[in-house]
Amino acid sequence: MDACTIHCVFNQLEMLNSNSRPDKHSIANIMTNQIKDVELKEFIQDSIDECFDALELDSHNNKCEFSKNFAVCMENKAQRNCDDWDENLSANKINSAGSQDGNNQQDKRKGY
């Protein structure tokens, strides 16, 4: 996905700071606000902190590249720490393909 498209999503969600870069506090608030599971909430907060720490070392990234690199960093952390990542990714691809074909099938795993 294009770096500036990802940046645009952060902008639309009002998650940018005054320098037009993703804002750590805003992202953490939005991503953890509704989570009740303490362990999951800590994992997400730690991941956000670690990704920002790594990206802030390389201040040469423009705002779009910073946004994309943050999103990729978060995805990588989730992938390394979620046992069912590949299963969910495959199911999402199948569901997306069904929706694109016009089948509009419901996701039976979630009871929809």
PDB file of N, CA and C in Angstrom:
ATOM      1  N   MET A   1       0.848  -1.170   0.000  1.00  0.00           N
ATOM      2  CA  MET A   1       0.000   0.000   0.000  1.00  0.00           C
ATOM      3  C   MET A   1       0.901   1.244   0.000  1.00  0.00           C
ATOM      4  N   ASP A   2       0.440   2.250  -0.657  1.00  0.00           N
ATOM      5  CA  ASP A   2       1.179   3.503  -0.781  1.00  0.00           C
ATOM      6  C   ASP A   2       1.346   4.181   0.585  1.00  0.00           C
ATOM      7  N   ALA A   3       2.533   4.692   0.840  1.00  0.00           N
ATOM      8  CA  ALA A   3       2.844   5.332   2.125  1.00  0.00           C
ATOM      9  C   ALA A   3       1.922   6.509   2.418  1.00  0.00           C
ATOM     10  N   CYS A   4       1.624   7.307   1.414  1.00  0.00           N
ATOM     11  CA  CYS A   4       0.776   8.485   1.654  1.00  0.00           C
ATOM     12  C   CYS A   4      -0.689   8.109   1.856  1.00  0.00           C
ATOM     13  N   THR A   5      -1.105   6.952   1.346  1.00  0.00           N
ATOM     14  CA  THR A   5      -2.459   6.463   1.619  1.00  0.00           C
ATOM     15  C   THR A   5      -2.582   6.117   3.095  1.00  0.00           C
ATOM     16  N   ILE A   6      -1.576   5.451   3.628  1.00  0.00           N
ATOM     17  CA  ILE A   6      -1.574   5.115   5.055  1.00  0.00           C
ATOM     18  C   ILE A   6      -1.564   6.395   5.884  1.00  0.00           C
ATOM     19  N   HIS A   7      -0.758   7.358   5.470  1.00  0.00           N
ATOM     20  CA  HIS A   7      -0.700   8.635   6.180  1.00  0.00           C
ATOM     21  C   HIS A   7      -2.065   9.325   6.159  1.00  0.00           C
ATOM     22  N   CYS A   8      -2.751   9.232   5.051  1.00  0.00           N
ATOM     23  CA  CYS A   8      -4.079   9.836   4.920  1.00  0.00           C
ATOM     24  C   CYS A   8      -5.063   9.207   5.911  1.00  0.00           C
ATOM     25  N   VAL A   9      -4.949   7.899   6.115  1.00  0.00           N
ATOM     26  CA  VAL A   9      -5.816   7.224   7.093  1.00  0.00           C
ATOM     27  C   VAL A   9      -5.555   7.783   8.490  1.00  0.00           C
ATOM     28  N   PHE A  10      -4.299   7.917   8.860  1.00  0.00           N
ATOM     29  CA  PHE A  10      -3.973   8.508  10.165  1.00  0.00           C
ATOM     30  C   PHE A  10      -4.545   9.923  10.272  1.00  0.00           C
ATOM     31  N   ASN A  11      -4.460  10.673   9.193  1.00  0.00           N
ATOM     32  CA  ASN A  11      -4.993  12.035   9.180  1.00  0.00           C
ATOM     33  C   ASN A  11      -6.509  12.025   9.375  1.00  0.00           C
ATOM     34  N   GLN A  12      -7.202  11.172   8.648  1.00  0.00           N
ATOM     35  CA  GLN A  12      -8.660  11.107   8.745  1.00  0.00           C
ATOM     36  C   GLN A  12      -9.120  10.677  10.136  1.00  0.00           C
ATOM     37  N   LEU A  13      -8.323   9.862  10.802  1.00  0.00           N
ATOM     38  CA  LEU A  13      -8.649   9.422  12.160  1.00  0.00           C
ATOM     39  C   LEU A  13      -8.167  10.413  13.218  1.00  0.00           C
ATOM     40  N   GLU A  14      -7.642  11.550  12.756  1.00  0.00           N
ATOM     41  CA  GLU A  14      -7.128  12.608  13.634  1.00  0.00           C
ATOM     42  C   GLU A  14      -6.064  12.077  14.599  1.00  0.00           C
ATOM     43  N   MET A  15      -5.106  11.340  14.025  1.00  0.00           N
ATOM     44  CA  MET A  15      -4.037  10.745  14.812  1.00  0.00           C
ATOM     45  C   MET A  15      -2.670  11.320  14.446  1.00  0.00           C
ATOM     46  N   LEU A  16      -2.654  12.573  13.960  1.00  0.00           N
ATOM     47  CA  LEU A  16      -1.395  13.227  13.611  1.00  0.00           C
ATOM     48  C   LEU A  16      -1.108  14.359  14.581  1.00  0.00           C
ATOM     49  N   ASN A  17       0.187  14.638  14.782  1.00  0.00           N
ATOM     50  CA  ASN A  17       0.566  15.759  15.645  1.00  0.00           C
ATOM     51  C   ASN A  17       0.705  17.038  14.814  1.00  0.00           C
ATOM     52  N   SER A  18       1.192  18.092  15.428  1.00  0.00           N
ATOM     53  CA  SER A  18       1.320  19.386  14.741  1.00  0.00           C
ATOM     54  C   SER A  18       2.351  19.353  13.611  1.00  0.00           C
ATOM     55  N   ASN A  19       3.228  18.349  13.609  1.00  0.00           N
ATOM     56  CA  ASN A  19       4.215  18.188  12.536  1.00  0.00           C
ATOM     57  C   ASN A  19       3.715  17.259  11.434  1.00  0.00           C
ATOM     58  N   SER A  20       2.437  16.910  11.489  1.00  0.00           N
ATOM     59  CA  SER A  20       1.812  15.995  10.515  1.00  0.00           C
ATOM     60  C   SER A  20       2.430  14.606  10.534  1.00  0.00           C
ATOM     61  N   ARG A  21       2.880  14.193  11.696  1.00  0.00           N
ATOM     62  CA  ARG A  21       3.369  12.821  11.880  1.00  0.00           C
ATOM     63  C   ARG A  21       2.418  12.107  12.828  1.00  0.00           C
ATOM     64  N   PRO A  22       2.350  10.780  12.751  1.00  0.00           N
ATOM     65  CA  PRO A  22       1.492  10.054  13.687  1.00  0.00           C
ATOM     66  C   PRO A  22       1.820  10.432  15.127  1.00  0.00           C
ATOM     67  N   ASP A  23       0.766  10.659  15.910  1.00  0.00           N
ATOM     68  CA  ASP A  23       0.903  11.067  17.301  1.00  0.00           C
ATOM     69  C   ASP A  23       0.774   9.843  18.206  1.00  0.00           C
ATOM     70  N   LYS A  24       1.819   9.576  18.952  1.00  0.00           N
ATOM     71  CA  LYS A  24       1.884   8.390  19.803  1.00  0.00           C
ATOM     72  C   LYS A  24       0.711   8.318  20.779  1.00  0.00           C
ATOM     73  N   HIS A  25       0.404   9.410  21.445  1.00  0.00           N
ATOM     74  CA  HIS A  25      -0.669   9.430  22.439  1.00  0.00           C
ATOM     75  C   HIS A  25      -2.028   9.167  21.788  1.00  0.00           C
ATOM     76  N   SER A  26      -2.293   9.809  20.670  1.00  0.00           N
ATOM     77  CA  SER A  26      -3.571   9.620  19.973  1.00  0.00           C
ATOM     78  C   SER A  26      -3.742   8.183  19.504  1.00  0.00           C
ATOM     79  N   ILE A  27      -2.686   7.620  18.944  1.00  0.00           N
ATOM     80  CA  ILE A  27      -2.744   6.242  18.458  1.00  0.00           C
ATOM     81  C   ILE A  27      -2.982   5.286  19.616  1.00  0.00           C
ATOM     82  N   ALA A  28      -2.235   5.471  20.700  1.00  0.00           N
ATOM     83  CA  ALA A  28      -2.402   4.592  21.862  1.00  0.00           C
ATOM     84  C   ALA A  28      -3.817   4.690  22.416  1.00  0.00           C
ATOM     85  N   ASN A  29      -4.340   5.888  22.497  1.00  0.00           N
ATOM     86  CA  ASN A  29      -5.688   6.083  23.020  1.00  0.00           C
ATOM     87  C   ASN A  29      -6.729   5.381  22.149  1.00  0.00           C
ATOM     88  N   ILE A  30      -6.650   5.582  20.852  1.00  0.00           N
ATOM     89  CA  ILE A  30      -7.621   4.981  19.940  1.00  0.00           C
ATOM     90  C   ILE A  30      -7.496   3.460  19.919  1.00  0.00           C
ATOM     91  N   MET A  31      -6.272   2.952  19.928  1.00  0.00           N
ATOM     92  CA  MET A  31      -6.077   1.508  19.813  1.00  0.00           C
ATOM     93  C   MET A  31      -6.357   0.743  21.102  1.00  0.00           C
ATOM     94  N   THR A  32      -6.296   1.408  22.243  1.00  0.00           N
ATOM     95  CA  THR A  32      -6.468   0.686  23.514  1.00  0.00           C
ATOM     96  C   THR A  32      -7.720   1.083  24.280  1.00  0.00           C
ATOM     97  N   ASN A  33      -8.400   2.107  23.857  1.00  0.00           N
ATOM     98  CA  ASN A  33      -9.521   2.674  24.597  1.00  0.00           C
ATOM     99  C   ASN A  33     -10.603   1.658  24.961  1.00  0.00           C
ATOM    100  N   GLN A  34     -10.974   0.791  24.058  1.00  0.00           N
ATOM    101  CA  GLN A  34     -12.077  -0.149  24.270  1.00  0.00           C
ATOM    102  C   GLN A  34     -11.625  -1.532  24.742  1.00  0.00           C
ATOM    103  N   ILE A  35     -10.340  -1.737  24.916  1.00  0.00           N
ATOM    104  CA  ILE A  35      -9.826  -3.068  25.266  1.00  0.00           C
ATOM    105  C   ILE A  35      -9.922  -3.301  26.766  1.00  0.00           C
ATOM    106  N   LYS A  36     -10.538  -4.412  27.127  1.00  0.00           N
ATOM    107  CA  LYS A  36     -10.692  -4.780  28.543  1.00  0.00           C
ATOM    108  C   LYS A  36      -9.576  -5.718  29.012  1.00  0.00           C
ATOM    109  N   ASP A  37      -9.065  -6.541  28.106  1.00  0.00           N
ATOM    110  CA  ASP A  37      -8.025  -7.519  28.428  1.00  0.00           C
ATOM    111  C   ASP A  37      -6.718  -6.785  28.731  1.00  0.00           C
ATOM    112  N   VAL A  38      -6.270  -6.863  29.974  1.00  0.00           N
ATOM    113  CA  VAL A  38      -5.084  -6.123  30.424  1.00  0.00           C
ATOM    114  C   VAL A  38      -3.837  -6.548  29.652  1.00  0.00           C
ATOM    115  N   GLU A  39      -3.678  -7.846  29.437  1.00  0.00           N
ATOM    116  CA  GLU A  39      -2.494  -8.342  28.740  1.00  0.00           C
ATOM    117  C   GLU A  39      -2.456  -7.836  27.293  1.00  0.00           C
ATOM    118  N   LEU A  40      -3.585  -7.866  26.619  1.00  0.00           N
ATOM    119  CA  LEU A  40      -3.652  -7.367  25.247  1.00  0.00           C
ATOM    120  C   LEU A  40      -3.390  -5.866  25.201  1.00  0.00           C
ATOM    121  N   LYS A  41      -3.966  -5.146  26.141  1.00  0.00           N
ATOM    122  CA  LYS A  41      -3.773  -3.695  26.200  1.00  0.00           C
ATOM    123  C   LYS A  41      -2.293  -3.359  26.399  1.00  0.00           C
ATOM    124  N   GLU A  42      -1.622  -4.093  27.288  1.00  0.00           N
ATOM    125  CA  GLU A  42      -0.192  -3.870  27.527  1.00  0.00           C
ATOM    126  C   GLU A  42       0.629  -4.211  26.288  1.00  0.00           C
ATOM    127  N   PHE A  43       0.257  -5.300  25.602  1.00  0.00           N
ATOM    128  CA  PHE A  43       0.972  -5.685  24.384  1.00  0.00           C
ATOM    129  C   PHE A  43       0.875  -4.581  23.329  1.00  0.00           C
ATOM    130  N   ILE A  44      -0.315  -4.060  23.138  1.00  0.00           N
ATOM    131  CA  ILE A  44      -0.508  -3.004  22.137  1.00  0.00           C
ATOM    132  C   ILE A  44       0.258  -1.744  22.530  1.00  0.00           C
ATOM    133  N   GLN A  45       0.176  -1.351  23.796  1.00  0.00           N
ATOM    134  CA  GLN A  45       0.895  -0.155  24.254  1.00  0.00           C
ATOM    135  C   GLN A  45       2.402  -0.338  24.104  1.00  0.00           C
ATOM    136  N   ASP A  46       2.911  -1.504  24.502  1.00  0.00           N
ATOM    137  CA  ASP A  46       4.345  -1.780  24.358  1.00  0.00           C
ATOM    138  C   ASP A  46       4.765  -1.756  22.888  1.00  0.00           C
ATOM    139  N   SER A  47       3.932  -2.323  22.026  1.00  0.00           N
ATOM    140  CA  SER A  47       4.239  -2.337  20.592  1.00  0.00           C
ATOM    141  C   SER A  47       4.293  -0.925  20.030  1.00  0.00           C
ATOM    142  N   ILE A  48       3.341  -0.099  20.415  1.00  0.00           N
ATOM    143  CA  ILE A  48       3.325   1.300  19.968  1.00  0.00           C
ATOM    144  C   ILE A  48       4.594   2.003  20.433  1.00  0.00           C
ATOM    145  N   ASP A  49       4.932   1.834  21.708  1.00  0.00           N
ATOM    146  CA  ASP A  49       6.139   2.468  22.257  1.00  0.00           C
ATOM    147  C   ASP A  49       7.390   2.016  21.513  1.00  0.00           C
ATOM    148  N   GLU A  50       7.515   0.699  21.291  1.00  0.00           N
ATOM    149  CA  GLU A  50       8.701   0.165  20.626  1.00  0.00           C
ATOM    150  C   GLU A  50       8.797   0.639  19.176  1.00  0.00           C
ATOM    151  N   CYS A  51       7.672   0.672  18.479  1.00  0.00           N
ATOM    152  CA  CYS A  51       7.690   1.134  17.086  1.00  0.00           C
ATOM    153  C   CYS A  51       8.073   2.609  17.007  1.00  0.00           C
ATOM    154  N   PHE A  52       7.502   3.422  17.883  1.00  0.00           N
ATOM    155  CA  PHE A  52       7.857   4.848  17.874  1.00  0.00           C
ATOM    156  C   PHE A  52       9.328   5.035  18.233  1.00  0.00           C
ATOM    157  N   ASP A  53       9.815   4.296  19.224  1.00  0.00           N
ATOM    158  CA  ASP A  53      11.226   4.417  19.599  1.00  0.00           C
ATOM    159  C   ASP A  53      12.130   4.087  18.417  1.00  0.00           C
ATOM    160  N   ALA A  54      11.813   3.016  17.705  1.00  0.00           N
ATOM    161  CA  ALA A  54      12.633   2.607  16.563  1.00  0.00           C
ATOM    162  C   ALA A  54      12.566   3.635  15.433  1.00  0.00           C
ATOM    163  N   LEU A  55      11.380   4.153  15.163  1.00  0.00           N
ATOM    164  CA  LEU A  55      11.220   5.091  14.048  1.00  0.00           C
ATOM    165  C   LEU A  55      11.770   6.477  14.351  1.00  0.00           C
ATOM    166  N   GLU A  56      11.719   6.877  15.600  1.00  0.00           N
ATOM    167  CA  GLU A  56      12.217   8.207  15.953  1.00  0.00           C
ATOM    168  C   GLU A  56      13.734   8.290  15.852  1.00  0.00           C
ATOM    169  N   LEU A  57      14.406   7.147  15.867  1.00  0.00           N
ATOM    170  CA  LEU A  57      15.855   7.139  15.675  1.00  0.00           C
ATOM    171  C   LEU A  57      16.211   7.539  14.247  1.00  0.00           C
ATOM    172  N   ASP A  58      15.314   7.241  13.318  1.00  0.00           N
ATOM    173  CA  ASP A  58      15.534   7.590  11.914  1.00  0.00           C
ATOM    174  C   ASP A  58      14.636   8.766  11.558  1.00  0.00           C
ATOM    175  N   SER A  59      15.065   9.955  11.908  1.00  0.00           N
ATOM    176  CA  SER A  59      14.249  11.154  11.712  1.00  0.00           C
ATOM    177  C   SER A  59      14.261  11.645  10.263  1.00  0.00           C
ATOM    178  N   HIS A  60      14.936  10.921   9.388  1.00  0.00           N
ATOM    179  CA  HIS A  60      15.001  11.331   7.985  1.00  0.00           C
ATOM    180  C   HIS A  60      13.750  10.936   7.205  1.00  0.00           C
ATOM    181  N   ASN A  61      12.908  10.092   7.786  1.00  0.00           N
ATOM    182  CA  ASN A  61      11.679   9.688   7.106  1.00  0.00           C
ATOM    183  C   ASN A  61      10.749  10.877   6.937  1.00  0.00           C
ATOM    184  N   ASN A  62      10.159  11.011   5.745  1.00  0.00           N
ATOM    185  CA  ASN A  62       9.138  12.038   5.589  1.00  0.00           C
ATOM    186  C   ASN A  62       7.864  11.544   6.273  1.00  0.00           C
ATOM    187  N   LYS A  63       6.854  12.381   6.343  1.00  0.00           N
ATOM    188  CA  LYS A  63       5.656  12.036   7.111  1.00  0.00           C
ATOM    189  C   LYS A  63       4.951  10.806   6.559  1.00  0.00           C
ATOM    190  N   CYS A  64       4.914  10.643   5.244  1.00  0.00           N
ATOM    191  CA  CYS A  64       4.258   9.471   4.658  1.00  0.00           C
ATOM    192  C   CYS A  64       5.038   8.198   4.971  1.00  0.00           C
ATOM    193  N   GLU A  65       6.347   8.252   4.806  1.00  0.00           N
ATOM    194  CA  GLU A  65       7.181   7.081   5.098  1.00  0.00           C
ATOM    195  C   GLU A  65       7.114   6.711   6.578  1.00  0.00           C
ATOM    196  N   PHE A  66       7.101   7.714   7.452  1.00  0.00           N
ATOM    197  CA  PHE A  66       6.994   7.460   8.888  1.00  0.00           C
ATOM    198  C   PHE A  66       5.692   6.720   9.181  1.00  0.00           C
ATOM    199  N   SER A  67       4.587   7.181   8.591  1.00  0.00           N
ATOM    200  CA  SER A  67       3.283   6.547   8.805  1.00  0.00           C
ATOM    201  C   SER A  67       3.290   5.101   8.332  1.00  0.00           C
ATOM    202  N   LYS A  68       3.820   4.879   7.140  1.00  0.00           N
ATOM    203  CA  LYS A  68       3.865   3.518   6.603  1.00  0.00           C
ATOM    204  C   LYS A  68       4.759   2.628   7.455  1.00  0.00           C
ATOM    205  N   ASN A  69       5.923   3.119   7.819  1.00  0.00           N
ATOM    206  CA  ASN A  69       6.847   2.321   8.626  1.00  0.00           C
ATOM    207  C   ASN A  69       6.254   1.990   9.990  1.00  0.00           C
ATOM    208  N   PHE A  70       5.487   2.914  10.564  1.00  0.00           N
ATOM    209  CA  PHE A  70       4.816   2.635  11.834  1.00  0.00           C
ATOM    210  C   PHE A  70       3.781   1.522  11.650  1.00  0.00           C
ATOM    211  N   ALA A  71       2.977   1.621  10.605  1.00  0.00           N
ATOM    212  CA  ALA A  71       1.949   0.605  10.350  1.00  0.00           C
ATOM    213  C   ALA A  71       2.588  -0.765  10.113  1.00  0.00           C
ATOM    214  N   VAL A  72       3.671  -0.808   9.352  1.00  0.00           N
ATOM    215  CA  VAL A  72       4.367  -2.068   9.082  1.00  0.00           C
ATOM    216  C   VAL A  72       4.974  -2.625  10.367  1.00  0.00           C
ATOM    217  N   CYS A  73       5.546  -1.765  11.182  1.00  0.00           N
ATOM    218  CA  CYS A  73       6.120  -2.190  12.460  1.00  0.00           C
ATOM    219  C   CYS A  73       5.051  -2.830  13.343  1.00  0.00           C
ATOM    220  N   MET A  74       3.880  -2.194  13.430  1.00  0.00           N
ATOM    221  CA  MET A  74       2.787  -2.738  14.240  1.00  0.00           C
ATOM    222  C   MET A  74       2.307  -4.075  13.680  1.00  0.00           C
ATOM    223  N   GLU A  75       2.215  -4.164  12.368  1.00  0.00           N
ATOM    224  CA  GLU A  75       1.799  -5.419  11.745  1.00  0.00           C
ATOM    225  C   GLU A  75       2.800  -6.528  12.053  1.00  0.00           C
ATOM    226  N   ASN A  76       4.092  -6.222  11.959  1.00  0.00           N
ATOM    227  CA  ASN A  76       5.128  -7.218  12.242  1.00  0.00           C
ATOM    228  C   ASN A  76       5.071  -7.694  13.687  1.00  0.00           C
ATOM    229  N   LYS A  77       4.844  -6.781  14.616  1.00  0.00           N
ATOM    230  CA  LYS A  77       4.748  -7.165  16.027  1.00  0.00           C
ATOM    231  C   LYS A  77       3.540  -8.066  16.249  1.00  0.00           C
ATOM    232  N   ALA A  78       2.426  -7.743  15.635  1.00  0.00           N
ATOM    233  CA  ALA A  78       1.229  -8.572  15.767  1.00  0.00           C
ATOM    234  C   ALA A  78       1.470  -9.951  15.167  1.00  0.00           C
ATOM    235  N   GLN A  79       2.081  -9.981  14.010  1.00  0.00           N
ATOM    236  CA  GLN A  79       2.330 -11.246  13.327  1.00  0.00           C
ATOM    237  C   GLN A  79       3.246 -12.157  14.151  1.00  0.00           C
ATOM    238  N   ARG A  80       4.264 -11.591  14.772  1.00  0.00           N
ATOM    239  CA  ARG A  80       5.199 -12.384  15.582  1.00  0.00           C
ATOM    240  C   ARG A  80       4.575 -12.878  16.882  1.00  0.00           C
ATOM    241  N   ASN A  81       3.550 -12.198  17.362  1.00  0.00           N
ATOM    242  CA  ASN A  81       3.003 -12.520  18.672  1.00  0.00           C
ATOM    243  C   ASN A  81       1.608 -13.132  18.654  1.00  0.00           C
ATOM    244  N   CYS A  82       1.026 -13.303  17.493  1.00  0.00           N
ATOM    245  CA  CYS A  82      -0.322 -13.870  17.400  1.00  0.00           C
ATOM    246  C   CYS A  82      -0.241 -15.239  16.738  1.00  0.00           C
ATOM    247  N   ASP A  83      -0.532 -16.285  17.512  1.00  0.00           N
ATOM    248  CA  ASP A  83      -0.433 -17.650  17.014  1.00  0.00           C
ATOM    249  C   ASP A  83      -1.335 -17.916  15.814  1.00  0.00           C
ATOM    250  N   ASP A  84      -2.495 -17.263  15.765  1.00  0.00           N
ATOM    251  CA  ASP A  84      -3.453 -17.525  14.693  1.00  0.00           C
ATOM    252  C   ASP A  84      -3.389 -16.491  13.569  1.00  0.00           C
ATOM    253  N   TRP A  85      -2.284 -15.760  13.452  1.00  0.00           N
ATOM    254  CA  TRP A  85      -2.177 -14.700  12.445  1.00  0.00           C
ATOM    255  C   TRP A  85      -2.425 -15.235  11.032  1.00  0.00           C
ATOM    256  N   ASP A  86      -1.743 -16.330  10.661  1.00  0.00           N
ATOM    257  CA  ASP A  86      -1.880 -16.861   9.308  1.00  0.00           C
ATOM    258  C   ASP A  86      -3.295 -17.348   9.038  1.00  0.00           C
ATOM    259  N   GLU A  87      -3.942 -17.956  10.034  1.00  0.00           N
ATOM    260  CA  GLU A  87      -5.319 -18.426   9.869  1.00  0.00           C
ATOM    261  C   GLU A  87      -6.257 -17.255   9.618  1.00  0.00           C
ATOM    262  N   ASN A  88      -6.130 -16.199  10.400  1.00  0.00           N
ATOM    263  CA  ASN A  88      -6.993 -15.030  10.236  1.00  0.00           C
ATOM    264  C   ASN A  88      -6.735 -14.331   8.910  1.00  0.00           C
ATOM    265  N   LEU A  89      -5.472 -14.251   8.513  1.00  0.00           N
ATOM    266  CA  LEU A  89      -5.123 -13.607   7.250  1.00  0.00           C
ATOM    267  C   LEU A  89      -5.732 -14.372   6.084  1.00  0.00           C
ATOM    268  N   SER A  90      -5.649 -15.707   6.118  1.00  0.00           N
ATOM    269  CA  SER A  90      -6.235 -16.532   5.058  1.00  0.00           C
ATOM    270  C   SER A  90      -7.743 -16.370   5.013  1.00  0.00           C
ATOM    271  N   ALA A  91      -8.389 -16.368   6.174  1.00  0.00           N
ATOM    272  CA  ALA A  91      -9.843 -16.212   6.231  1.00  0.00           C
ATOM    273  C   ALA A  91     -10.261 -14.854   5.686  1.00  0.00           C
ATOM    274  N   ASN A  92      -9.499 -13.821   6.002  1.00  0.00           N
ATOM    275  CA  ASN A  92      -9.822 -12.481   5.499  1.00  0.00           C
ATOM    276  C   ASN A  92      -9.698 -12.415   3.980  1.00  0.00           C
ATOM    277  N   LYS A  93      -8.675 -13.080   3.429  1.00  0.00           N
ATOM    278  CA  LYS A  93      -8.505 -13.083   1.980  1.00  0.00           C
ATOM    279  C   LYS A  93      -9.668 -13.805   1.311  1.00  0.00           C
ATOM    280  N   ILE A  94     -10.100 -14.924   1.899  1.00  0.00           N
ATOM    281  CA  ILE A  94     -11.229 -15.674   1.343  1.00  0.00           C
ATOM    282  C   ILE A  94     -12.494 -14.838   1.412  1.00  0.00           C
ATOM    283  N   ASN A  95     -12.742 -14.209   2.556  1.00  0.00           N
ATOM    284  CA  ASN A  95     -13.936 -13.378   2.709  1.00  0.00           C
ATOM    285  C   ASN A  95     -13.911 -12.189   1.759  1.00  0.00           C
ATOM    286  N   SER A  96     -12.742 -11.586   1.570  1.00  0.00           N
ATOM    287  CA  SER A  96     -12.630 -10.450   0.654  1.00  0.00           C
ATOM    288  C   SER A  96     -12.900 -10.895  -0.777  1.00  0.00           C
ATOM    289  N   ALA A  97     -12.385 -12.052  -1.142  1.00  0.00           N
ATOM    290  CA  ALA A  97     -12.605 -12.559  -2.493  1.00  0.00           C
ATOM    291  C   ALA A  97     -14.086 -12.840  -2.714  1.00  0.00           C
ATOM    292  N   GLY A  98     -14.754 -13.394  -1.713  1.00  0.00           N
ATOM    293  CA  GLY A  98     -16.189 -13.657  -1.817  1.00  0.00           C
ATOM    294  C   GLY A  98     -16.977 -12.384  -1.967  1.00  0.00           C
ATOM    295  N   SER A  99     -16.601 -11.351  -1.242  1.00  0.00           N
ATOM    296  CA  SER A  99     -17.297 -10.066  -1.331  1.00  0.00           C
ATOM    297  C   SER A  99     -17.067  -9.419  -2.686  1.00  0.00           C
ATOM    298  N   GLN A 100     -15.859  -9.569  -3.224  1.00  0.00           N
ATOM    299  CA  GLN A 100     -15.564  -8.982  -4.521  1.00  0.00           C
ATOM    300  C   GLN A 100     -16.331  -9.684  -5.628  1.00  0.00           C
ATOM    301  N   ASP A 101     -16.613 -10.985  -5.442  1.00  0.00           N
ATOM    302  CA  ASP A 101     -17.372 -11.735  -6.435  1.00  0.00           C
ATOM    303  C   ASP A 101     -18.858 -11.449  -6.344  1.00  0.00           C
ATOM    304  N   GLY A 102     -19.257 -10.693  -5.338  1.00  0.00           N
ATOM    305  CA  GLY A 102     -20.658 -10.372  -5.168  1.00  0.00           C
ATOM    306  C   GLY A 102     -21.401 -11.384  -4.318  1.00  0.00           C
ATOM    307  N   ASN A 103     -20.697 -12.372  -3.787  1.00  0.00           N
ATOM    308  CA  ASN A 103     -21.344 -13.398  -2.971  1.00  0.00           C
ATOM    309  C   ASN A 103     -21.755 -12.865  -1.621  1.00  0.00           C
ATOM    310  N   ASN A 104     -20.979 -11.923  -1.092  1.00  0.00           N
ATOM    311  CA  ASN A 104     -21.286 -11.267   0.179  1.00  0.00           C
ATOM    312  C   ASN A 104     -21.603 -12.272   1.281  1.00  0.00           C
ATOM    313  N   GLN A 105     -20.749 -13.292   1.411  1.00  0.00           N
ATOM    314  CA  GLN A 105     -20.959 -14.335   2.406  1.00  0.00           C
ATOM    315  C   GLN A 105     -20.669 -13.815   3.794  1.00  0.00           C
ATOM    316  N   GLN A 106     -21.404 -14.368   4.758  1.00  0.00           N
ATOM    317  CA  GLN A 106     -21.202 -13.959   6.141  1.00  0.00           C
ATOM    318  C   GLN A 106     -20.055 -14.742   6.751  1.00  0.00           C
ATOM    319  N   ASP A 107     -19.394 -14.149   7.717  1.00  0.00           N
ATOM    320  CA  ASP A 107     -18.310 -14.793   8.438  1.00  0.00           C
ATOM    321  C   ASP A 107     -18.918 -15.645   9.542  1.00  0.00           C
ATOM    322  N   LYS A 108     -18.927 -16.958   9.331  1.00  0.00           N
ATOM    323  CA  LYS A 108     -19.573 -17.871  10.267  1.00  0.00           C
ATOM    324  C   LYS A 108     -18.799 -18.023  11.573  1.00  0.00           C
ATOM    325  N   ARG A 109     -17.489 -17.722  11.550  1.00  0.00           N
ATOM    326  CA  ARG A 109     -16.694 -17.838  12.770  1.00  0.00           C
ATOM    327  C   ARG A 109     -17.141 -16.840  13.821  1.00  0.00           C
ATOM    328  N   LYS A 110     -17.605 -15.705  13.409  1.00  0.00           N
ATOM    329  CA  LYS A 110     -17.967 -14.651  14.349  1.00  0.00           C
ATOM    330  C   LYS A 110     -19.463 -14.607  14.605  1.00  0.00           C
ATOM    331  N   GLY A 111     -20.219 -15.476  13.952  1.00  0.00           N
ATOM    332  CA  GLY A 111     -21.647 -15.525  14.177  1.00  0.00           C
ATOM    333  C   GLY A 111     -22.414 -14.386  13.534  1.00  0.00           C
ATOM    334  N   TYR A 112     -21.891 -13.829  12.469  1.00  0.00           N
ATOM    335  CA  TYR A 112     -22.588 -12.732  11.793  1.00  0.00           C
ATOM    336  C   TYR A 112     -23.676 -13.278  10.904  1.00  0.00           C
TER     337      TYR A 112
END
